[in-house]
């Protein structure tokens, strides 16, 4: 599938398994953060929407305005963090590299790169929308 040209109906019909869609205040800014920090590939970036690829995983980014008739929008805070309680884990990203780049891309290092007893080295970074992005690699 050509993610740069696919239409909404065809793209939606192609989705399978588990999907990740995040609502953000500024789509291009969130895309710049994710592509800069995690080397994601961005497609069809507009003020309202973007498709991101992390290895073979599809992530969608939507602006708040695209959810005007969705009940989820009413649950989002107008300011502050949005993703409390959720970790978005990226298992094929070097946590030390992410820690070194995070602040220059507008992220906040919540927990530095650390070897964990469950066999992973991890770094937790919060984006400006409050989502916890966890770069992880096996020890």
C-alpha atoms as a PDB file:
ATOM      1  CA  UNK A   1       0.000   0.000   0.000  1.00  0.00           C
ATOM      2  CA  UNK A   2       1.242   3.470  -0.839  1.00  0.00           C
ATOM      3  CA  UNK A   3       0.653   5.384   2.393  1.00  0.00           C
ATOM      4  CA  UNK A   4       1.424   8.672   0.659  1.00  0.00           C
ATOM      5  CA  UNK A   5      -1.546   8.408  -1.701  1.00  0.00           C
ATOM      6  CA  UNK A   6      -4.040   5.955  -0.175  1.00  0.00           C
ATOM      7  CA  UNK A   7      -7.535   7.356   0.388  1.00  0.00           C
ATOM      8  CA  UNK A   8      -9.256   7.332   3.762  1.00  0.00           C
ATOM      9  CA  UNK A   9     -11.760   4.572   2.936  1.00  0.00           C
ATOM     10  CA  UNK A  10      -9.135   2.215   1.512  1.00  0.00           C
ATOM     11  CA  UNK A  11      -6.737   2.936   4.375  1.00  0.00           C
ATOM     12  CA  UNK A  12      -9.415   2.353   7.017  1.00  0.00           C
ATOM     13  CA  UNK A  13     -10.536  -0.902   5.409  1.00  0.00           C
ATOM     14  CA  UNK A  14      -6.944  -2.172   5.392  1.00  0.00           C
ATOM     15  CA  UNK A  15      -6.368  -1.887   9.145  1.00  0.00           C
ATOM     16  CA  UNK A  16      -6.048  -5.153  11.086  1.00  0.00           C
ATOM     17  CA  UNK A  17      -5.069  -6.373  14.536  1.00  0.00           C
ATOM     18  CA  UNK A  18      -4.512  -3.691  17.153  1.00  0.00           C
ATOM     19  CA  UNK A  19      -4.280  -0.057  16.145  1.00  0.00           C
ATOM     20  CA  UNK A  20      -2.755   2.941  17.814  1.00  0.00           C
ATOM     21  CA  UNK A  21      -4.373   6.320  17.270  1.00  0.00           C
ATOM     22  CA  UNK A  22      -3.421   9.326  19.351  1.00  0.00           C
ATOM     23  CA  UNK A  23      -5.219  12.645  19.608  1.00  0.00           C
ATOM     24  CA  UNK A  24      -2.966  15.685  19.751  1.00  0.00           C
ATOM     25  CA  UNK A  25      -3.239  19.446  19.772  1.00  0.00           C
ATOM     26  CA  UNK A  26      -0.766  19.927  16.884  1.00  0.00           C
ATOM     27  CA  UNK A  27      -0.309  17.083  14.363  1.00  0.00           C
ATOM     28  CA  UNK A  28       2.768  18.400  12.491  1.00  0.00           C
ATOM     29  CA  UNK A  29       4.537  19.123  15.780  1.00  0.00           C
ATOM     30  CA  UNK A  30       3.796  15.631  17.144  1.00  0.00           C
ATOM     31  CA  UNK A  31       4.961  14.096  13.856  1.00  0.00           C
ATOM     32  CA  UNK A  32       8.243  16.049  14.041  1.00  0.00           C
ATOM     33  CA  UNK A  33       8.752  14.735  17.589  1.00  0.00           C
ATOM     34  CA  UNK A  34       8.100  11.102  16.657  1.00  0.00           C
ATOM     35  CA  UNK A  35      10.082  11.104  13.414  1.00  0.00           C
ATOM     36  CA  UNK A  36      12.992  12.892  15.062  1.00  0.00           C
ATOM     37  CA  UNK A  37      13.114  10.746  18.184  1.00  0.00           C
ATOM     38  CA  UNK A  38      12.093   7.311  16.919  1.00  0.00           C
ATOM     39  CA  UNK A  39      12.941   7.498  13.193  1.00  0.00           C
ATOM     40  CA  UNK A  40       9.306   6.886  12.275  1.00  0.00           C
ATOM     41  CA  UNK A  41       8.308   7.442   8.655  1.00  0.00           C
ATOM     42  CA  UNK A  42       5.518   9.995   8.165  1.00  0.00           C
ATOM     43  CA  UNK A  43       2.886   9.952   5.403  1.00  0.00           C
ATOM     44  CA  UNK A  44       0.104  12.408   4.476  1.00  0.00           C
ATOM     45  CA  UNK A  45       0.953  14.892   7.214  1.00  0.00           C
ATOM     46  CA  UNK A  46      -1.655  17.653   7.444  1.00  0.00           C
ATOM     47  CA  UNK A  47      -2.915  19.884  10.232  1.00  0.00           C
ATOM     48  CA  UNK A  48      -5.551  17.221  10.987  1.00  0.00           C
ATOM     49  CA  UNK A  49      -4.004  13.817  10.338  1.00  0.00           C
ATOM     50  CA  UNK A  50      -0.870  11.770   9.697  1.00  0.00           C
ATOM     51  CA  UNK A  51       0.043   8.160   9.137  1.00  0.00           C
ATOM     52  CA  UNK A  52       3.261   7.069  10.826  1.00  0.00           C
ATOM     53  CA  UNK A  53       5.180   3.846  10.378  1.00  0.00           C
ATOM     54  CA  UNK A  54       7.362   2.381  13.101  1.00  0.00           C
ATOM     55  CA  UNK A  55       9.020  -0.595  11.460  1.00  0.00           C
ATOM     56  CA  UNK A  56       5.898  -2.371  10.129  1.00  0.00           C
ATOM     57  CA  UNK A  57       3.463  -0.890  12.646  1.00  0.00           C
ATOM     58  CA  UNK A  58       0.939   1.781  11.668  1.00  0.00           C
ATOM     59  CA  UNK A  59       0.254   4.677  14.020  1.00  0.00           C
ATOM     60  CA  UNK A  60      -2.347   7.332  13.311  1.00  0.00           C
ATOM     61  CA  UNK A  61      -2.186  10.882  14.658  1.00  0.00           C
ATOM     62  CA  UNK A  62      -5.377  12.954  14.630  1.00  0.00           C
ATOM     63  CA  UNK A  63      -6.011  16.538  15.676  1.00  0.00           C
ATOM     64  CA  UNK A  64      -8.699  17.180  18.256  1.00  0.00           C
ATOM     65  CA  UNK A  65     -10.902  18.807  15.619  1.00  0.00           C
ATOM     66  CA  UNK A  66     -11.222  15.568  13.661  1.00  0.00           C
ATOM     67  CA  UNK A  67     -12.995  14.036  16.660  1.00  0.00           C
ATOM     68  CA  UNK A  68     -15.730  16.709  16.794  1.00  0.00           C
ATOM     69  CA  UNK A  69     -18.529  14.113  16.913  1.00  0.00           C
ATOM     70  CA  UNK A  70     -16.638  11.419  18.843  1.00  0.00           C
ATOM     71  CA  UNK A  71     -17.453  11.057  22.572  1.00  0.00           C
ATOM     72  CA  UNK A  72     -13.754  10.558  23.393  1.00  0.00           C
ATOM     73  CA  UNK A  73     -13.041  14.221  22.707  1.00  0.00           C
ATOM     74  CA  UNK A  74     -15.136  15.282  25.701  1.00  0.00           C
ATOM     75  CA  UNK A  75     -12.894  13.238  28.004  1.00  0.00           C
ATOM     76  CA  UNK A  76      -9.685  14.998  27.001  1.00  0.00           C
ATOM     77  CA  UNK A  77      -8.354  17.809  29.181  1.00  0.00           C
ATOM     78  CA  UNK A  78      -8.032  21.183  27.495  1.00  0.00           C
ATOM     79  CA  UNK A  79      -4.510  21.495  28.888  1.00  0.00           C
ATOM     80  CA  UNK A  80      -1.998  19.202  30.527  1.00  0.00           C
ATOM     81  CA  UNK A  81      -1.236  15.537  30.000  1.00  0.00           C
ATOM     82  CA  UNK A  82      -3.529  13.271  28.027  1.00  0.00           C
ATOM     83  CA  UNK A  83      -1.954   9.830  28.093  1.00  0.00           C
ATOM     84  CA  UNK A  84      -1.804   9.107  31.814  1.00  0.00           C
ATOM     85  CA  UNK A  85      -1.641   5.392  32.476  1.00  0.00           C
ATOM     86  CA  UNK A  86      -0.676   4.354  28.958  1.00  0.00           C
ATOM     87  CA  UNK A  87       2.812   3.412  27.806  1.00  0.00           C
ATOM     88  CA  UNK A  88       3.565   3.347  24.099  1.00  0.00           C
ATOM     89  CA  UNK A  89       6.464   0.928  23.854  1.00  0.00           C
ATOM     90  CA  UNK A  90       8.875   1.004  20.947  1.00  0.00           C
ATOM     91  CA  UNK A  91      10.915  -2.183  21.227  1.00  0.00           C
ATOM     92  CA  UNK A  92      13.300  -1.540  18.366  1.00  0.00           C
ATOM     93  CA  UNK A  93      14.726   1.810  19.487  1.00  0.00           C
ATOM     94  CA  UNK A  94      17.940   2.435  21.393  1.00  0.00           C
ATOM     95  CA  UNK A  95      16.947   4.023  24.732  1.00  0.00           C
ATOM     96  CA  UNK A  96      20.309   5.758  25.136  1.00  0.00           C
ATOM     97  CA  UNK A  97      19.931   7.517  21.773  1.00  0.00           C
ATOM     98  CA  UNK A  98      16.378   8.548  22.675  1.00  0.00           C
ATOM     99  CA  UNK A  99      17.477   9.920  26.035  1.00  0.00           C
ATOM    100  CA  UNK A 100      20.199  11.991  24.363  1.00  0.00           C
ATOM    101  CA  UNK A 101      17.805  13.516  21.780  1.00  0.00           C
ATOM    102  CA  UNK A 102      14.550  13.831  23.728  1.00  0.00           C
ATOM    103  CA  UNK A 103      14.829  17.319  25.200  1.00  0.00           C
ATOM    104  CA  UNK A 104      16.081  18.883  21.959  1.00  0.00           C
ATOM    105  CA  UNK A 105      12.876  17.621  20.300  1.00  0.00           C
ATOM    106  CA  UNK A 106      10.556  18.951  23.012  1.00  0.00           C
ATOM    107  CA  UNK A 107      10.328  15.776  25.087  1.00  0.00           C
ATOM    108  CA  UNK A 108      10.772  15.335  28.819  1.00  0.00           C
ATOM    109  CA  UNK A 109      12.854  12.398  30.067  1.00  0.00           C
ATOM    110  CA  UNK A 110      10.643  10.926  32.760  1.00  0.00           C
ATOM    111  CA  UNK A 111      13.043   8.042  33.441  1.00  0.00           C
ATOM    112  CA  UNK A 112      16.555   7.782  31.997  1.00  0.00           C
ATOM    113  CA  UNK A 113      17.846   4.756  30.101  1.00  0.00           C
ATOM    114  CA  UNK A 114      18.058   1.970  32.683  1.00  0.00           C
ATOM    115  CA  UNK A 115      18.585  -1.794  32.635  1.00  0.00           C
ATOM    116  CA  UNK A 116      15.439  -3.427  34.006  1.00  0.00           C
ATOM    117  CA  UNK A 117      15.072  -6.827  35.708  1.00  0.00           C
ATOM    118  CA  UNK A 118      12.597  -7.953  33.022  1.00  0.00           C
ATOM    119  CA  UNK A 119      15.420  -8.079  30.456  1.00  0.00           C
ATOM    120  CA  UNK A 120      15.052  -4.699  28.746  1.00  0.00           C
ATOM    121  CA  UNK A 121      16.924  -1.414  28.763  1.00  0.00           C
ATOM    122  CA  UNK A 122      14.290   1.345  28.744  1.00  0.00           C
ATOM    123  CA  UNK A 123      13.938   5.116  28.638  1.00  0.00           C
ATOM    124  CA  UNK A 124      10.611   6.885  29.303  1.00  0.00           C
ATOM    125  CA  UNK A 125       9.962  10.144  27.449  1.00  0.00           C
ATOM    126  CA  UNK A 126       6.849  12.292  27.726  1.00  0.00           C
ATOM    127  CA  UNK A 127       5.788  14.275  24.673  1.00  0.00           C
ATOM    128  CA  UNK A 128       4.090  17.647  25.033  1.00  0.00           C
ATOM    129  CA  UNK A 129       0.696  15.923  24.849  1.00  0.00           C
ATOM    130  CA  UNK A 130       1.574  13.798  27.886  1.00  0.00           C
ATOM    131  CA  UNK A 131       1.933  10.427  26.204  1.00  0.00           C
ATOM    132  CA  UNK A 132       4.650   8.155  27.618  1.00  0.00           C
ATOM    133  CA  UNK A 133       6.876   6.833  24.821  1.00  0.00           C
ATOM    134  CA  UNK A 134       9.151   4.019  26.014  1.00  0.00           C
ATOM    135  CA  UNK A 135      12.229   3.199  23.973  1.00  0.00           C
ATOM    136  CA  UNK A 136      13.242  -0.392  24.739  1.00  0.00           C
ATOM    137  CA  UNK A 137      15.886  -2.877  23.699  1.00  0.00           C
ATOM    138  CA  UNK A 138      16.750  -6.330  25.042  1.00  0.00           C
ATOM    139  CA  UNK A 139      19.749  -6.445  27.387  1.00  0.00           C
END
